[in-house]
Protein backbone atom coordinates (compact mmCIF):
# COMPACT_ATOMS: atom_id res chain seq x y z
CA MET A 1 66.54 108.30 113.78
CA GLU A 2 62.85 107.76 112.31
CA PHE A 3 61.61 109.82 115.69
CA VAL A 4 63.71 112.76 114.35
CA ASP A 5 63.19 112.70 111.16
CA LYS A 6 59.40 112.69 112.03
CA ILE A 7 59.71 115.69 113.77
CA LYS A 8 61.49 117.45 110.98
CA THR A 9 58.73 116.74 109.07
CA LEU A 10 56.05 118.21 111.82
CA MET A 11 58.50 121.29 111.91
CA SER A 12 58.34 121.58 108.02
CA PHE A 13 61.91 121.58 107.80
CA PRO A 14 63.11 123.11 104.12
CA PRO A 15 64.61 120.55 101.87
CA LEU A 16 67.94 119.20 102.37
CA ALA A 17 70.58 119.11 99.79
CA SER A 18 74.07 119.00 101.51
CA GLU A 19 76.17 116.05 103.32
CA HIS A 20 76.45 118.17 106.63
CA GLY A 21 73.11 119.55 106.62
CA LYS A 22 71.43 116.73 108.34
CA LYS A 23 73.79 116.61 111.29
CA MET A 24 72.75 120.46 111.55
CA ASP A 25 69.06 119.68 111.06
CA ASP A 26 69.19 116.86 113.93
CA PHE A 27 71.66 119.25 116.18
CA ILE A 28 68.45 121.96 115.90
CA ILE A 29 66.13 119.10 117.11
CA TYR A 30 67.98 117.91 119.85
CA ILE A 31 68.09 121.70 121.25
CA HIS A 32 64.31 121.80 120.64
CA LEU A 33 64.14 118.54 122.67
CA LEU A 34 65.99 119.97 125.61
CA MET A 35 64.17 122.61 125.62
CA ALA A 36 61.01 121.04 125.49
CA VAL A 37 62.37 118.85 128.81
CA LEU A 38 63.36 122.41 130.54
CA PHE A 39 60.02 124.13 129.66
CA VAL A 40 57.99 120.83 131.07
CA GLY A 41 59.98 121.05 134.12
CA TRP A 42 59.96 124.54 134.91
CA PHE A 43 56.59 124.84 134.05
CA ALA A 44 55.66 122.34 136.55
CA TYR A 45 57.51 123.71 139.30
CA PHE A 46 55.55 127.23 138.54
CA LEU A 47 51.88 125.29 138.93
CA TYR A 48 53.50 123.88 142.01
CA ALA A 49 54.62 127.28 143.57
CA ILE A 50 50.98 128.51 142.55
CA PHE A 51 49.28 125.83 144.12
CA ARG A 52 51.78 125.45 147.42
CA PHE A 53 51.62 129.25 147.99
CA ARG A 54 48.11 129.95 147.19
CA LYS A 55 46.31 132.74 149.17
CA SER A 56 43.96 130.07 151.22
CA ASN A 57 47.30 128.41 152.51
CA ASN A 58 48.85 131.64 153.44
CA PRO A 59 46.14 134.32 154.44
CA LYS A 60 48.68 136.52 155.83
CA ALA A 61 51.82 137.92 154.30
CA SER A 62 55.26 137.14 155.60
CA TYR A 63 57.64 139.84 156.24
CA THR A 64 60.63 137.93 157.10
CA GLY A 65 60.56 135.71 154.14
CA ALA A 66 62.40 132.36 153.77
CA GLN A 67 64.78 131.89 156.63
CA THR A 68 67.10 129.34 155.09
CA ASN A 69 69.77 129.25 152.07
CA ILE A 70 67.96 126.25 150.20
CA SER A 71 66.76 129.10 147.32
CA THR A 72 70.50 130.29 147.23
CA TYR A 73 71.86 126.63 146.58
CA ALA A 74 69.09 125.90 143.99
CA GLU A 75 70.13 129.01 142.03
CA VAL A 76 73.48 128.16 142.08
CA ALA A 77 72.91 124.50 141.18
CA VAL A 78 70.58 125.58 138.32
CA ALA A 79 73.50 128.04 137.09
CA VAL A 80 76.24 125.15 137.50
CA ALA A 81 74.02 122.93 135.50
CA GLU A 82 73.45 125.49 133.05
CA VAL A 83 77.18 125.95 132.41
CA ILE A 84 77.80 122.17 132.12
CA LEU A 85 75.01 121.95 129.51
CA LEU A 86 76.61 124.62 127.58
CA VAL A 87 80.63 124.35 127.83
CA GLY A 88 80.40 120.36 128.34
CA LEU A 89 77.97 119.60 125.67
CA ALA A 90 76.56 122.41 123.48
CA ILE A 91 79.79 123.90 122.58
CA PRO A 92 81.51 120.67 121.64
CA LEU A 93 78.80 119.09 119.92
CA TRP A 94 78.16 122.36 117.62
CA ALA A 95 81.87 122.16 116.95
CA SER A 96 81.85 118.65 115.56
CA VAL A 97 78.50 119.33 114.00
CA VAL A 98 79.66 121.94 111.79
CA ASP A 99 83.09 121.07 110.88
CA ALA A 100 83.82 124.36 110.07
CA ASP A 101 87.60 124.01 110.07
CA LYS A 102 87.72 120.73 108.37
CA PHE A 103 88.27 121.87 104.67
CA PRO A 104 88.38 119.41 102.05
CA LYS A 105 92.02 118.55 101.30
CA GLU A 106 93.48 118.77 97.49
CA GLU A 107 93.37 115.04 97.43
CA VAL A 108 89.33 115.02 96.95
CA ASN A 109 89.97 117.36 94.04
CA PRO A 110 87.43 120.28 95.36
CA ILE A 111 85.67 122.89 93.25
CA VAL A 112 87.24 126.15 94.02
CA ILE A 113 85.50 129.29 93.64
CA LYS A 114 85.68 133.01 94.42
CA VAL A 115 82.14 134.97 94.93
CA THR A 116 81.98 138.67 95.60
CA GLY A 117 79.05 140.36 96.92
CA GLN A 118 77.85 143.89 95.57
CA GLN A 119 74.72 146.04 96.08
CA PHE A 120 72.65 143.84 95.05
CA ALA A 121 74.20 140.90 93.28
CA TRP A 122 76.58 137.96 93.41
CA ASN A 123 79.62 137.99 91.15
CA THR A 124 81.44 134.05 90.81
CA ARG A 125 84.49 133.39 89.33
CA TYR A 126 86.18 129.98 88.46
CA PRO A 127 89.75 128.96 87.92
CA GLY A 128 90.95 127.71 84.46
CA LYS A 129 92.04 124.27 83.72
CA ASP A 130 95.48 125.07 85.68
CA GLY A 131 93.20 125.25 88.65
CA ALA A 132 94.78 128.44 89.90
CA PHE A 133 93.25 132.14 90.31
CA GLY A 134 95.06 135.26 88.64
CA LYS A 135 96.16 137.72 90.98
CA GLN A 136 94.29 139.89 92.77
CA ASP A 137 94.57 143.73 93.70
CA ILE A 138 92.45 146.51 95.07
CA LYS A 139 93.88 148.68 92.41
CA PHE A 140 92.37 146.88 89.58
CA VAL A 141 88.89 146.67 90.56
CA ALA A 142 86.63 148.41 88.01
CA PRO A 143 82.90 148.04 86.80
CA ASP A 144 84.20 145.47 84.26
CA ASN A 145 86.69 143.91 86.57
CA LYS A 146 84.36 143.14 90.04
CA PHE A 147 87.42 140.86 91.25
CA GLY A 148 90.38 143.10 90.54
CA VAL A 149 92.31 140.37 89.01
CA ASP A 150 95.59 141.24 87.05
CA LYS A 151 94.94 140.69 83.43
CA ASN A 152 98.94 140.46 83.05
CA ASP A 153 99.37 137.46 85.16
CA PRO A 154 99.59 134.18 83.69
CA ASN A 155 96.99 132.40 85.51
CA THR A 156 94.42 134.77 84.93
CA LYS A 157 94.25 134.07 81.02
CA ASP A 158 91.76 130.81 81.62
CA ASP A 159 89.76 132.37 84.50
CA PHE A 160 86.28 132.72 83.78
CA ASP A 161 83.18 134.42 85.36
CA SER A 162 79.82 132.68 85.36
CA PRO A 163 76.83 135.32 84.48
CA LEU A 164 75.82 137.65 87.30
CA ASN A 165 73.99 135.74 90.37
CA LEU A 166 74.25 132.43 88.76
CA MET A 167 76.85 129.75 89.73
CA ALA A 168 77.14 125.84 89.38
CA VAL A 169 78.61 123.12 91.09
CA PRO A 170 78.53 119.23 90.60
CA VAL A 171 76.78 117.05 93.11
CA GLY A 172 78.74 114.80 95.30
CA ARG A 173 81.96 116.78 95.02
CA ALA A 174 83.49 118.83 97.64
CA VAL A 175 83.29 122.71 97.06
CA ILE A 176 85.24 125.52 98.43
CA ILE A 177 83.90 129.12 98.08
CA HIS A 178 85.76 132.16 98.94
CA LEU A 179 83.35 135.03 99.72
CA SER A 180 84.08 138.54 99.62
CA SER A 181 82.48 141.94 99.43
CA LEU A 182 82.73 145.32 97.00
CA ASP A 183 81.01 147.67 99.27
CA VAL A 184 79.08 146.77 102.41
CA ILE A 185 78.40 143.41 104.62
CA HIS A 186 76.30 140.95 102.77
CA CYS A 187 75.75 137.21 104.08
CA PHE A 188 75.55 134.34 101.39
CA LYS A 189 72.97 132.08 102.36
CA VAL A 190 71.60 128.87 100.41
CA VAL A 191 69.00 127.37 102.93
CA PRO A 192 68.64 123.95 101.37
CA LEU A 193 72.41 123.65 101.41
CA ARG A 194 72.82 124.82 104.95
CA ILE A 195 75.38 127.15 104.58
CA THR A 196 75.39 131.06 105.59
CA GLN A 197 78.72 133.17 105.51
CA ASP A 198 79.00 136.85 106.07
CA ALA A 199 80.60 138.36 102.98
CA ILE A 200 83.09 141.14 104.42
CA PRO A 201 84.75 143.97 102.49
CA GLY A 202 88.50 143.47 102.79
CA LEU A 203 88.66 139.89 103.45
CA MET A 204 88.47 136.28 101.82
CA ILE A 205 86.68 134.03 103.66
CA PRO A 206 86.24 130.27 102.90
CA MET A 207 83.77 128.01 103.59
CA HIS A 208 82.88 124.30 101.89
CA PHE A 209 80.30 121.86 101.73
CA LYS A 210 79.09 119.07 99.31
CA ALA A 211 75.78 118.83 97.46
CA THR A 212 74.02 115.76 97.66
CA LYS A 213 70.75 116.51 95.58
CA GLU A 214 70.59 117.99 91.72
CA GLY A 215 68.40 121.25 91.30
CA LYS A 216 68.51 124.86 91.62
CA TYR A 217 68.78 126.56 95.00
CA MET A 218 68.23 130.40 95.86
CA VAL A 219 71.39 132.40 97.09
CA THR A 220 70.03 135.10 99.29
CA CYS A 221 71.68 137.61 100.85
CA ALA A 222 71.07 137.31 104.97
CA GLN A 223 72.42 140.87 106.07
CA LEU A 224 70.70 143.80 105.60
CA CYS A 225 72.49 145.93 103.13
CA GLY A 226 70.63 148.38 101.53
CA ASN A 227 67.42 149.90 99.93
CA GLY A 228 67.59 146.57 97.24
CA HIS A 229 68.61 143.83 99.82
CA ALA A 230 65.35 142.16 98.75
CA THR A 231 66.50 141.93 95.16
CA MET A 232 69.67 140.15 96.04
CA ARG A 233 69.15 137.10 94.97
CA GLY A 234 71.05 134.39 92.79
CA ASN A 235 70.94 130.85 91.90
CA ILE A 236 73.25 127.95 92.37
CA ASN A 237 72.47 124.88 90.06
CA VAL A 238 73.56 121.36 91.55
CA LEU A 239 74.42 119.53 88.30
CA SER A 240 75.85 116.26 87.57
CA GLU A 241 79.37 116.09 86.87
CA ALA A 242 78.75 115.26 83.08
CA ASP A 243 76.31 118.38 82.98
CA TYR A 244 78.59 120.51 85.17
CA LYS A 245 81.81 119.80 82.69
CA LYS A 246 79.36 121.02 80.00
CA TRP A 247 78.59 123.88 81.51
CA GLU A 248 82.21 125.13 82.70
CA ALA A 249 83.53 124.42 78.97
CA ASP A 250 80.81 126.38 77.31
CA LEU A 251 81.76 129.22 79.89
CA ALA A 252 85.44 128.86 79.74
CA SER A 253 85.24 128.90 75.97
CA LYS A 254 83.04 132.09 75.75
CA ALA A 255 85.94 133.64 77.82
CA GLY A 256 88.68 132.82 75.59
CA GLY A 257 89.99 130.06 77.79
CA THR A 258 90.60 126.20 76.76
CA ALA A 259 89.24 124.71 80.14
CA THR A 260 87.47 121.51 79.64
CA SER A 261 87.60 120.31 83.33
CA PHE A 262 89.32 121.30 86.81
CA GLU A 263 90.51 117.85 86.98
């Protein structure tokens, strides 16, 4: 809607670079419009109450107060209306907007990546040509093995890591990130892609998105995680399909793998 887009411009929304992001932005606008309606309504009532019950109209205080149950009925009606707005509209609409559980199916050939946070950096690992990650176990975790991979597992042979704090994905392709943490709770956040997800030690939490615009976007930690929290930044490069294949082939060859594509 043109009206909604104008409001986004007026509110200086950050650049958008993901498929689902527009629905989230629209949802935020609708919430603010509802808030504006509620504000105008309640403020109008506030002004009415000030005028209606001003001192000149009520020179002597009433020690008995209202003798009807109208106020009680009004309070109940307002509470019911708010419950309807929350349960009947807000929650279902939010669920339809985020599509959190609608992960890309194998038929669309999504890019699958593992990202592990640590104080204060992001580690990223890609599967090789077979598209399968090697087995992981906490007993294998070491300074040179942040993902705790079993190096004797055949599926590990063609897996490779990207440089610290750097990852890449192809534009227009579904991406699934499996997120975890080595130490404390972190939060993987990329504003232009409209993705935010806590990284919790001991858990592998999936999230998904599809980038729609090429560019370099900052990855930040949105969870206070220690003295170096502000320095926990990385970059995610959204590349054309051709540039992405060159990028992955270069990293795979440096890691000793033979992968030229995940397809």
